Amino acid sequence: MITTIQQCRTGDWQEETARHYKNRLLKEANLEQLTRLPRPQLRQTLETLISQMMTEERAILTQAERNQVVTWILDESTGFGPLEPLLQDSSITEIMVVKPNEIYIERAGRIQKTDVKFRDEQHIRHVVERIIAPLGRHLDEANPMVDARLPDGSRVNAIAPPLC
């Protein structure tokens, strides 16, 4: 299996490696039990499980690379995917997702394009649904616009086809 990781290092190896271990976790771990854990304990448990998997596969990654893999899995599984690092930055006042590879932020009154990317439109929709589902809202053709407030006071505005 080490060849998979070596191949991934030539491209977007972090995401591919994380996807590989996420798939293994889905097959081999008790997800119901894992999802009940508080985030810090979940992170520690995932780090242990993924380290064991990497040892089995003789995968060679630095500790920083392992941390990146675990963070990606957490963000995709329980967070807001590629938006998570932006949401953690208190200097960002607005995040605007235009297309999967076109994401802007507002910081100190200035709008700038980011390097953050979604895989595709479906990935965006999945994250938007994760954001609005706890509010009892959903986004589809019958309800192509959502304008709501999150419990922390943040505003969410999402528009989908046929409106956009």
N, C-alpha and C. Protein backbone atom coordinates (compact mmCIF):
# COMPACT_ATOMS: atom_id res chain seq x y z
N MET A 1 0.82 -1.20 0.00
CA MET A 1 0.00 0.00 0.00
C MET A 1 0.85 1.26 0.00
N ILE A 2 2.09 1.17 0.34
CA ILE A 2 2.96 2.35 0.36
C ILE A 2 3.03 3.01 -1.02
N THR A 3 2.86 2.25 -2.07
CA THR A 3 2.89 2.84 -3.41
C THR A 3 1.77 3.84 -3.60
N THR A 4 0.61 3.61 -2.98
CA THR A 4 -0.49 4.55 -3.09
C THR A 4 -0.08 5.91 -2.55
N ILE A 5 0.56 5.91 -1.40
CA ILE A 5 0.96 7.17 -0.79
C ILE A 5 2.06 7.83 -1.59
N GLN A 6 2.99 7.06 -2.10
CA GLN A 6 4.05 7.64 -2.93
C GLN A 6 3.46 8.26 -4.19
N GLN A 7 2.49 7.58 -4.79
CA GLN A 7 1.86 8.13 -5.98
C GLN A 7 1.13 9.42 -5.64
N CYS A 8 0.46 9.46 -4.49
CA CYS A 8 -0.29 10.64 -4.10
C CYS A 8 0.62 11.84 -3.88
N ARG A 9 1.86 11.62 -3.47
CA ARG A 9 2.75 12.74 -3.21
C ARG A 9 3.08 13.51 -4.48
N THR A 10 2.88 12.92 -5.64
CA THR A 10 3.16 13.65 -6.86
C THR A 10 2.07 14.66 -7.17
N GLY A 11 0.86 14.46 -6.66
CA GLY A 11 -0.24 15.39 -6.90
C GLY A 11 -0.71 15.96 -5.58
N ASP A 12 -2.01 15.93 -5.38
CA ASP A 12 -2.58 16.42 -4.14
C ASP A 12 -2.59 15.26 -3.15
N TRP A 13 -1.40 14.88 -2.71
CA TRP A 13 -1.23 13.68 -1.91
C TRP A 13 -1.94 13.75 -0.57
N GLN A 14 -2.01 14.94 0.03
CA GLN A 14 -2.63 15.04 1.35
C GLN A 14 -4.11 14.64 1.30
N GLU A 15 -4.83 15.20 0.34
CA GLU A 15 -6.25 14.88 0.23
C GLU A 15 -6.46 13.43 -0.15
N GLU A 16 -5.66 12.94 -1.09
CA GLU A 16 -5.79 11.53 -1.50
C GLU A 16 -5.46 10.58 -0.36
N THR A 17 -4.41 10.88 0.39
CA THR A 17 -4.03 10.05 1.53
C THR A 17 -5.13 10.09 2.59
N ALA A 18 -5.63 11.29 2.87
CA ALA A 18 -6.70 11.42 3.86
C ALA A 18 -7.95 10.66 3.42
N ARG A 19 -8.27 10.76 2.14
CA ARG A 19 -9.44 10.03 1.61
C ARG A 19 -9.26 8.53 1.79
N HIS A 20 -8.05 8.05 1.53
CA HIS A 20 -7.75 6.62 1.69
C HIS A 20 -8.01 6.17 3.13
N TYR A 21 -7.50 6.93 4.11
CA TYR A 21 -7.67 6.55 5.50
C TYR A 21 -9.10 6.78 5.99
N LYS A 22 -9.76 7.77 5.44
CA LYS A 22 -11.17 7.97 5.79
C LYS A 22 -11.98 6.76 5.33
N ASN A 23 -11.70 6.27 4.13
CA ASN A 23 -12.41 5.07 3.63
C ASN A 23 -12.13 3.87 4.51
N ARG A 24 -10.90 3.72 4.95
CA ARG A 24 -10.57 2.61 5.86
C ARG A 24 -11.33 2.76 7.17
N LEU A 25 -11.38 3.98 7.69
CA LEU A 25 -12.12 4.21 8.94
C LEU A 25 -13.60 3.86 8.77
N LEU A 26 -14.17 4.24 7.64
CA LEU A 26 -15.57 3.93 7.38
C LEU A 26 -15.83 2.43 7.38
N LYS A 27 -14.87 1.67 6.88
CA LYS A 27 -15.01 0.21 6.79
C LYS A 27 -14.68 -0.49 8.11
N GLU A 28 -13.70 0.03 8.84
CA GLU A 28 -13.13 -0.73 9.95
C GLU A 28 -13.46 -0.20 11.35
N ALA A 29 -13.87 1.04 11.48
CA ALA A 29 -14.08 1.63 12.81
C ALA A 29 -15.56 1.67 13.16
N ASN A 30 -15.84 1.77 14.44
CA ASN A 30 -17.20 1.91 14.93
C ASN A 30 -17.56 3.40 14.87
N LEU A 31 -18.11 3.82 13.73
CA LEU A 31 -18.36 5.24 13.52
C LEU A 31 -19.41 5.80 14.47
N GLU A 32 -20.38 5.00 14.82
CA GLU A 32 -21.42 5.47 15.74
C GLU A 32 -20.78 5.87 17.07
N GLN A 33 -19.87 5.05 17.54
CA GLN A 33 -19.18 5.34 18.79
C GLN A 33 -18.25 6.55 18.63
N LEU A 34 -17.53 6.61 17.51
CA LEU A 34 -16.60 7.71 17.28
C LEU A 34 -17.30 9.07 17.22
N THR A 35 -18.43 9.14 16.53
CA THR A 35 -19.10 10.43 16.35
C THR A 35 -19.69 10.97 17.64
N ARG A 36 -19.79 10.16 18.66
CA ARG A 36 -20.29 10.63 19.95
C ARG A 36 -19.20 11.29 20.81
N LEU A 37 -17.95 11.13 20.40
CA LEU A 37 -16.84 11.66 21.19
C LEU A 37 -16.74 13.17 21.02
N PRO A 38 -16.32 13.89 22.06
CA PRO A 38 -16.02 15.32 21.90
C PRO A 38 -14.86 15.48 20.91
N ARG A 39 -14.83 16.60 20.20
CA ARG A 39 -13.84 16.79 19.12
C ARG A 39 -12.40 16.53 19.56
N PRO A 40 -11.93 17.00 20.73
CA PRO A 40 -10.53 16.71 21.10
C PRO A 40 -10.27 15.21 21.27
N GLN A 41 -11.22 14.52 21.88
CA GLN A 41 -11.05 13.07 22.08
C GLN A 41 -11.18 12.34 20.74
N LEU A 42 -12.06 12.83 19.87
CA LEU A 42 -12.20 12.24 18.54
C LEU A 42 -10.89 12.38 17.78
N ARG A 43 -10.28 13.55 17.85
CA ARG A 43 -9.00 13.77 17.16
C ARG A 43 -7.94 12.80 17.67
N GLN A 44 -7.84 12.66 18.98
CA GLN A 44 -6.85 11.76 19.56
C GLN A 44 -7.11 10.31 19.13
N THR A 45 -8.36 9.90 19.12
CA THR A 45 -8.71 8.54 18.71
C THR A 45 -8.39 8.32 17.23
N LEU A 46 -8.72 9.30 16.39
CA LEU A 46 -8.40 9.19 14.96
C LEU A 46 -6.89 9.12 14.74
N GLU A 47 -6.14 9.94 15.46
CA GLU A 47 -4.68 9.90 15.33
C GLU A 47 -4.14 8.51 15.65
N THR A 48 -4.67 7.90 16.70
CA THR A 48 -4.23 6.56 17.09
C THR A 48 -4.60 5.54 16.02
N LEU A 49 -5.86 5.57 15.57
CA LEU A 49 -6.31 4.60 14.56
C LEU A 49 -5.54 4.75 13.25
N ILE A 50 -5.35 5.98 12.81
CA ILE A 50 -4.66 6.22 11.54
C ILE A 50 -3.18 5.85 11.66
N SER A 51 -2.58 6.11 12.80
CA SER A 51 -1.18 5.70 13.01
C SER A 51 -1.05 4.18 12.91
N GLN A 52 -1.99 3.46 13.50
CA GLN A 52 -1.99 2.00 13.41
C GLN A 52 -2.12 1.55 11.95
N MET A 53 -3.02 2.19 11.22
CA MET A 53 -3.22 1.83 9.81
C MET A 53 -1.95 2.12 9.00
N MET A 54 -1.33 3.25 9.26
CA MET A 54 -0.11 3.61 8.53
C MET A 54 1.01 2.64 8.85
N THR A 55 1.09 2.21 10.09
CA THR A 55 2.10 1.22 10.48
C THR A 55 1.85 -0.09 9.75
N GLU A 56 0.60 -0.52 9.69
CA GLU A 56 0.24 -1.75 8.96
C GLU A 56 0.66 -1.67 7.50
N GLU A 57 0.46 -0.50 6.91
CA GLU A 57 0.74 -0.30 5.48
C GLU A 57 2.19 0.12 5.23
N ARG A 58 2.95 0.29 6.29
CA ARG A 58 4.33 0.76 6.20
C ARG A 58 4.44 2.10 5.50
N ALA A 59 3.45 2.93 5.76
CA ALA A 59 3.43 4.29 5.18
C ALA A 59 4.38 5.18 5.97
N ILE A 60 5.13 5.97 5.27
CA ILE A 60 6.10 6.85 5.92
C ILE A 60 5.65 8.29 5.71
N LEU A 61 5.17 8.89 6.78
CA LEU A 61 4.76 10.29 6.78
C LEU A 61 5.35 10.95 8.01
N THR A 62 5.66 12.20 7.89
CA THR A 62 6.13 12.95 9.06
C THR A 62 4.95 13.17 10.01
N GLN A 63 5.25 13.59 11.21
CA GLN A 63 4.17 13.88 12.17
C GLN A 63 3.29 15.02 11.66
N ALA A 64 3.89 16.02 11.04
CA ALA A 64 3.11 17.13 10.49
C ALA A 64 2.17 16.63 9.39
N GLU A 65 2.66 15.73 8.54
CA GLU A 65 1.81 15.18 7.47
C GLU A 65 0.67 14.35 8.06
N ARG A 66 0.97 13.58 9.11
CA ARG A 66 -0.09 12.80 9.78
C ARG A 66 -1.14 13.74 10.36
N ASN A 67 -0.68 14.83 10.97
CA ASN A 67 -1.62 15.80 11.53
C ASN A 67 -2.51 16.40 10.45
N GLN A 68 -1.93 16.68 9.28
CA GLN A 68 -2.71 17.23 8.17
C GLN A 68 -3.77 16.24 7.70
N VAL A 69 -3.42 14.96 7.65
CA VAL A 69 -4.37 13.92 7.24
C VAL A 69 -5.52 13.86 8.24
N VAL A 70 -5.21 13.84 9.53
CA VAL A 70 -6.25 13.78 10.57
C VAL A 70 -7.14 15.03 10.52
N THR A 71 -6.53 16.19 10.35
CA THR A 71 -7.30 17.44 10.28
C THR A 71 -8.25 17.40 9.09
N TRP A 72 -7.78 16.94 7.93
CA TRP A 72 -8.62 16.86 6.74
C TRP A 72 -9.81 15.93 7.02
N ILE A 73 -9.55 14.79 7.61
CA ILE A 73 -10.63 13.83 7.90
C ILE A 73 -11.64 14.45 8.86
N LEU A 74 -11.17 15.11 9.90
CA LEU A 74 -12.08 15.76 10.85
C LEU A 74 -12.90 16.85 10.17
N ASP A 75 -12.23 17.70 9.40
CA ASP A 75 -12.93 18.80 8.73
C ASP A 75 -13.98 18.29 7.76
N GLU A 76 -13.66 17.24 7.02
CA GLU A 76 -14.61 16.69 6.05
C GLU A 76 -15.73 15.89 6.71
N SER A 77 -15.43 15.28 7.85
CA SER A 77 -16.41 14.40 8.49
C SER A 77 -17.31 15.11 9.48
N THR A 78 -16.75 16.04 10.24
CA THR A 78 -17.54 16.68 11.29
C THR A 78 -17.53 18.20 11.20
N GLY A 79 -16.72 18.75 10.33
CA GLY A 79 -16.63 20.21 10.20
C GLY A 79 -17.23 20.67 8.88
N PHE A 80 -16.73 21.78 8.41
CA PHE A 80 -17.24 22.38 7.17
C PHE A 80 -16.21 22.30 6.05
N GLY A 81 -15.52 21.16 5.98
CA GLY A 81 -14.61 20.86 4.88
C GLY A 81 -13.56 21.93 4.68
N PRO A 82 -13.35 22.34 3.43
CA PRO A 82 -12.28 23.30 3.14
C PRO A 82 -12.51 24.68 3.74
N LEU A 83 -13.74 24.97 4.20
CA LEU A 83 -14.01 26.27 4.82
C LEU A 83 -13.51 26.35 6.26
N GLU A 84 -13.25 25.20 6.85
CA GLU A 84 -12.90 25.15 8.27
C GLU A 84 -11.73 26.07 8.65
N PRO A 85 -10.60 26.06 7.92
CA PRO A 85 -9.50 26.97 8.31
C PRO A 85 -9.91 28.45 8.21
N LEU A 86 -10.76 28.77 7.24
CA LEU A 86 -11.22 30.16 7.09
C LEU A 86 -12.11 30.56 8.27
N LEU A 87 -12.95 29.63 8.70
CA LEU A 87 -13.84 29.91 9.82
C LEU A 87 -13.08 30.08 11.14
N GLN A 88 -11.92 29.47 11.23
CA GLN A 88 -11.11 29.57 12.45
C GLN A 88 -10.32 30.87 12.51
N ASP A 89 -10.24 31.60 11.42
CA ASP A 89 -9.48 32.85 11.34
C ASP A 89 -10.39 34.01 11.74
N SER A 90 -10.17 34.55 12.92
CA SER A 90 -11.05 35.62 13.44
C SER A 90 -10.92 36.93 12.67
N SER A 91 -9.89 37.08 11.84
CA SER A 91 -9.74 38.31 11.07
C SER A 91 -10.62 38.31 9.81
N ILE A 92 -11.18 37.16 9.46
CA ILE A 92 -12.04 37.06 8.28
C ILE A 92 -13.46 37.40 8.68
N THR A 93 -14.06 38.35 7.97
CA THR A 93 -15.42 38.78 8.30
C THR A 93 -16.47 38.22 7.35
N GLU A 94 -16.04 37.73 6.19
CA GLU A 94 -17.00 37.14 5.25
C GLU A 94 -16.28 36.13 4.36
N ILE A 95 -17.00 35.06 4.04
CA ILE A 95 -16.50 34.03 3.11
C ILE A 95 -17.52 33.94 1.99
N MET A 96 -17.04 34.05 0.75
CA MET A 96 -17.93 34.00 -0.41
C MET A 96 -17.49 32.87 -1.33
N VAL A 97 -18.35 31.87 -1.48
CA VAL A 97 -18.06 30.74 -2.36
C VAL A 97 -18.81 30.98 -3.66
N VAL A 98 -18.09 31.18 -4.73
CA VAL A 98 -18.69 31.46 -6.03
C VAL A 98 -18.74 30.18 -6.86
N LYS A 99 -17.63 29.49 -6.92
CA LYS A 99 -17.47 28.23 -7.65
C LYS A 99 -16.56 27.34 -6.82
N PRO A 100 -16.44 26.07 -7.18
CA PRO A 100 -15.56 25.19 -6.39
C PRO A 100 -14.13 25.70 -6.26
N ASN A 101 -13.62 26.37 -7.26
CA ASN A 101 -12.24 26.87 -7.19
C ASN A 101 -12.19 28.39 -7.14
N GLU A 102 -13.28 29.01 -6.73
CA GLU A 102 -13.34 30.47 -6.65
C GLU A 102 -13.99 30.86 -5.31
N ILE A 103 -13.14 31.03 -4.30
CA ILE A 103 -13.60 31.36 -2.96
C ILE A 103 -12.88 32.64 -2.52
N TYR A 104 -13.68 33.61 -2.07
CA TYR A 104 -13.15 34.89 -1.64
C TYR A 104 -13.41 35.09 -0.15
N ILE A 105 -12.58 35.91 0.45
CA ILE A 105 -12.79 36.30 1.84
C ILE A 105 -12.73 37.81 1.93
N GLU A 106 -13.35 38.33 2.99
CA GLU A 106 -13.20 39.74 3.31
C GLU A 106 -12.44 39.81 4.63
N ARG A 107 -11.38 40.60 4.59
CA ARG A 107 -10.55 40.80 5.78
C ARG A 107 -10.18 42.27 5.81
N ALA A 108 -10.46 42.93 6.94
CA ALA A 108 -10.15 44.35 7.10
C ALA A 108 -10.75 45.19 5.96
N GLY A 109 -11.96 44.85 5.54
CA GLY A 109 -12.64 45.61 4.50
C GLY A 109 -12.16 45.35 3.09
N ARG A 110 -11.21 44.42 2.92
CA ARG A 110 -10.68 44.11 1.59
C ARG A 110 -11.08 42.70 1.19
N ILE A 111 -11.50 42.55 -0.05
CA ILE A 111 -11.87 41.24 -0.56
C ILE A 111 -10.68 40.66 -1.32
N GLN A 112 -10.39 39.40 -1.03
CA GLN A 112 -9.28 38.74 -1.72
C GLN A 112 -9.64 37.29 -2.01
N LYS A 113 -9.13 36.80 -3.12
CA LYS A 113 -9.34 35.41 -3.51
C LYS A 113 -8.43 34.53 -2.66
N THR A 114 -8.94 33.34 -2.32
CA THR A 114 -8.16 32.40 -1.52
C THR A 114 -7.67 31.25 -2.39
N ASP A 115 -6.81 30.43 -1.82
CA ASP A 115 -6.35 29.21 -2.48
C ASP A 115 -7.24 28.02 -2.12
N VAL A 116 -8.23 28.24 -1.27
CA VAL A 116 -9.12 27.18 -0.83
C VAL A 116 -9.97 26.73 -2.00
N LYS A 117 -10.18 25.40 -2.08
CA LYS A 117 -10.97 24.85 -3.19
C LYS A 117 -11.87 23.73 -2.70
N PHE A 118 -13.00 23.59 -3.35
CA PHE A 118 -13.88 22.43 -3.18
C PHE A 118 -13.59 21.49 -4.35
N ARG A 119 -13.91 20.22 -4.18
CA ARG A 119 -13.71 19.26 -5.28
C ARG A 119 -14.60 19.58 -6.46
N ASP A 120 -15.88 19.88 -6.17
CA ASP A 120 -16.87 20.12 -7.22
C ASP A 120 -18.10 20.77 -6.60
N GLU A 121 -19.13 20.99 -7.42
CA GLU A 121 -20.38 21.61 -6.94
C GLU A 121 -21.05 20.75 -5.87
N GLN A 122 -20.98 19.44 -6.03
CA GLN A 122 -21.59 18.53 -5.05
C GLN A 122 -20.92 18.68 -3.68
N HIS A 123 -19.63 18.88 -3.66
CA HIS A 123 -18.89 19.08 -2.41
C HIS A 123 -19.38 20.37 -1.72
N ILE A 124 -19.58 21.43 -2.50
CA ILE A 124 -20.12 22.68 -1.95
C ILE A 124 -21.48 22.42 -1.33
N ARG A 125 -22.36 21.76 -2.09
CA ARG A 125 -23.72 21.49 -1.63
C ARG A 125 -23.70 20.69 -0.32
N HIS A 126 -22.81 19.70 -0.24
CA HIS A 126 -22.71 18.87 0.96
C HIS A 126 -22.36 19.73 2.18
N VAL A 127 -21.39 20.64 2.03
CA VAL A 127 -20.99 21.50 3.15
C VAL A 127 -22.11 22.48 3.50
N VAL A 128 -22.76 23.04 2.49
CA VAL A 128 -23.88 23.96 2.76
C VAL A 128 -24.98 23.23 3.53
N GLU A 129 -25.30 22.02 3.12
CA GLU A 129 -26.32 21.23 3.83
C GLU A 129 -25.90 20.97 5.27
N ARG A 130 -24.63 20.70 5.49
CA ARG A 130 -24.14 20.46 6.85
C ARG A 130 -24.28 21.74 7.69
N ILE A 131 -24.11 22.90 7.07
CA ILE A 131 -24.23 24.17 7.79
C ILE A 131 -25.68 24.46 8.14
N ILE A 132 -26.60 24.26 7.19
CA ILE A 132 -27.99 24.69 7.40
C ILE A 132 -28.91 23.61 7.99
N ALA A 133 -28.53 22.36 7.92
CA ALA A 133 -29.40 21.29 8.44
C ALA A 133 -29.76 21.48 9.92
N PRO A 134 -28.80 21.84 10.79
CA PRO A 134 -29.18 22.04 12.20
C PRO A 134 -30.19 23.18 12.40
N LEU A 135 -30.34 24.03 11.39
CA LEU A 135 -31.30 25.14 11.47
C LEU A 135 -32.67 24.70 10.97
N GLY A 136 -32.77 23.43 10.54
CA GLY A 136 -34.04 22.93 10.00
C GLY A 136 -34.30 23.41 8.58
N ARG A 137 -33.26 23.79 7.88
CA ARG A 137 -33.39 24.31 6.52
C ARG A 137 -32.72 23.37 5.54
N HIS A 138 -33.10 23.47 4.27
CA HIS A 138 -32.41 22.72 3.23
C HIS A 138 -32.45 23.53 1.95
N LEU A 139 -31.55 23.18 1.04
CA LEU A 139 -31.37 23.91 -0.21
C LEU A 139 -31.63 22.95 -1.36
N ASP A 140 -32.63 23.27 -2.18
CA ASP A 140 -32.94 22.45 -3.35
C ASP A 140 -33.72 23.29 -4.35
N GLU A 141 -34.23 22.68 -5.40
CA GLU A 141 -34.95 23.45 -6.43
C GLU A 141 -36.21 24.10 -5.87
N ALA A 142 -36.86 23.43 -4.93
CA ALA A 142 -38.07 23.99 -4.33
C ALA A 142 -37.74 25.13 -3.37
N ASN A 143 -36.57 25.05 -2.75
CA ASN A 143 -36.09 26.07 -1.81
C ASN A 143 -34.69 26.49 -2.23
N PRO A 144 -34.58 27.29 -3.32
CA PRO A 144 -33.25 27.60 -3.86
C PRO A 144 -32.49 28.71 -3.14
N MET A 145 -33.08 29.27 -2.07
CA MET A 145 -32.38 30.31 -1.34
C MET A 145 -32.58 30.12 0.16
N VAL A 146 -31.48 30.23 0.88
CA VAL A 146 -31.52 30.17 2.34
C VAL A 146 -30.81 31.39 2.87
N ASP A 147 -31.48 32.12 3.74
CA ASP A 147 -30.88 33.26 4.42
C ASP A 147 -31.20 33.04 5.89
N ALA A 148 -30.17 32.77 6.69
CA ALA A 148 -30.41 32.39 8.08
C ALA A 148 -29.26 32.85 8.97
N ARG A 149 -29.51 32.76 10.27
CA ARG A 149 -28.49 33.06 11.28
C ARG A 149 -28.12 31.78 12.01
N LEU A 150 -26.81 31.58 12.19
CA LEU A 150 -26.33 30.45 12.97
C LEU A 150 -26.43 30.79 14.45
N PRO A 151 -26.36 29.78 15.31
CA PRO A 151 -26.45 30.05 16.76
C PRO A 151 -25.41 31.06 17.26
N ASP A 152 -24.25 31.15 16.61
CA ASP A 152 -23.22 32.10 17.05
C ASP A 152 -23.46 33.51 16.51
N GLY A 153 -24.55 33.70 15.74
CA GLY A 153 -24.88 35.01 15.19
C GLY A 153 -24.41 35.23 13.78
N SER A 154 -23.62 34.31 13.24
CA SER A 154 -23.13 34.43 11.85
C SER A 154 -24.31 34.32 10.89
N ARG A 155 -24.20 35.02 9.79
CA ARG A 155 -25.22 34.99 8.75
C ARG A 155 -24.81 34.02 7.66
N VAL A 156 -25.77 33.21 7.20
CA VAL A 156 -25.54 32.29 6.08
C VAL A 156 -26.51 32.65 4.97
N ASN A 157 -26.00 32.83 3.78
CA ASN A 157 -26.84 33.06 2.63
C ASN A 157 -26.36 32.13 1.53
N ALA A 158 -27.25 31.26 1.07
CA ALA A 158 -26.90 30.32 0.01
C ALA A 158 -27.96 30.38 -1.07
N ILE A 159 -27.51 30.37 -2.32
CA ILE A 159 -28.41 30.42 -3.46
C ILE A 159 -28.01 29.30 -4.41
N ALA A 160 -29.00 28.55 -4.86
CA ALA A 160 -28.77 27.42 -5.76
C ALA A 160 -29.63 27.55 -7.00
N PRO A 161 -29.35 26.73 -8.03
CA PRO A 161 -30.21 26.75 -9.20
C PRO A 161 -31.66 26.45 -8.81
N PRO A 162 -32.60 27.04 -9.44
CA PRO A 162 -32.55 27.80 -10.68
C PRO A 162 -32.28 29.29 -10.49
N LEU A 163 -32.09 29.77 -9.27
CA LEU A 163 -31.87 31.21 -9.05
C LEU A 163 -30.48 31.67 -9.47
N CYS A 164 -29.48 30.81 -9.39
CA CYS A 164 -28.13 31.26 -9.77
C CYS A 164 -27.60 30.43 -10.90
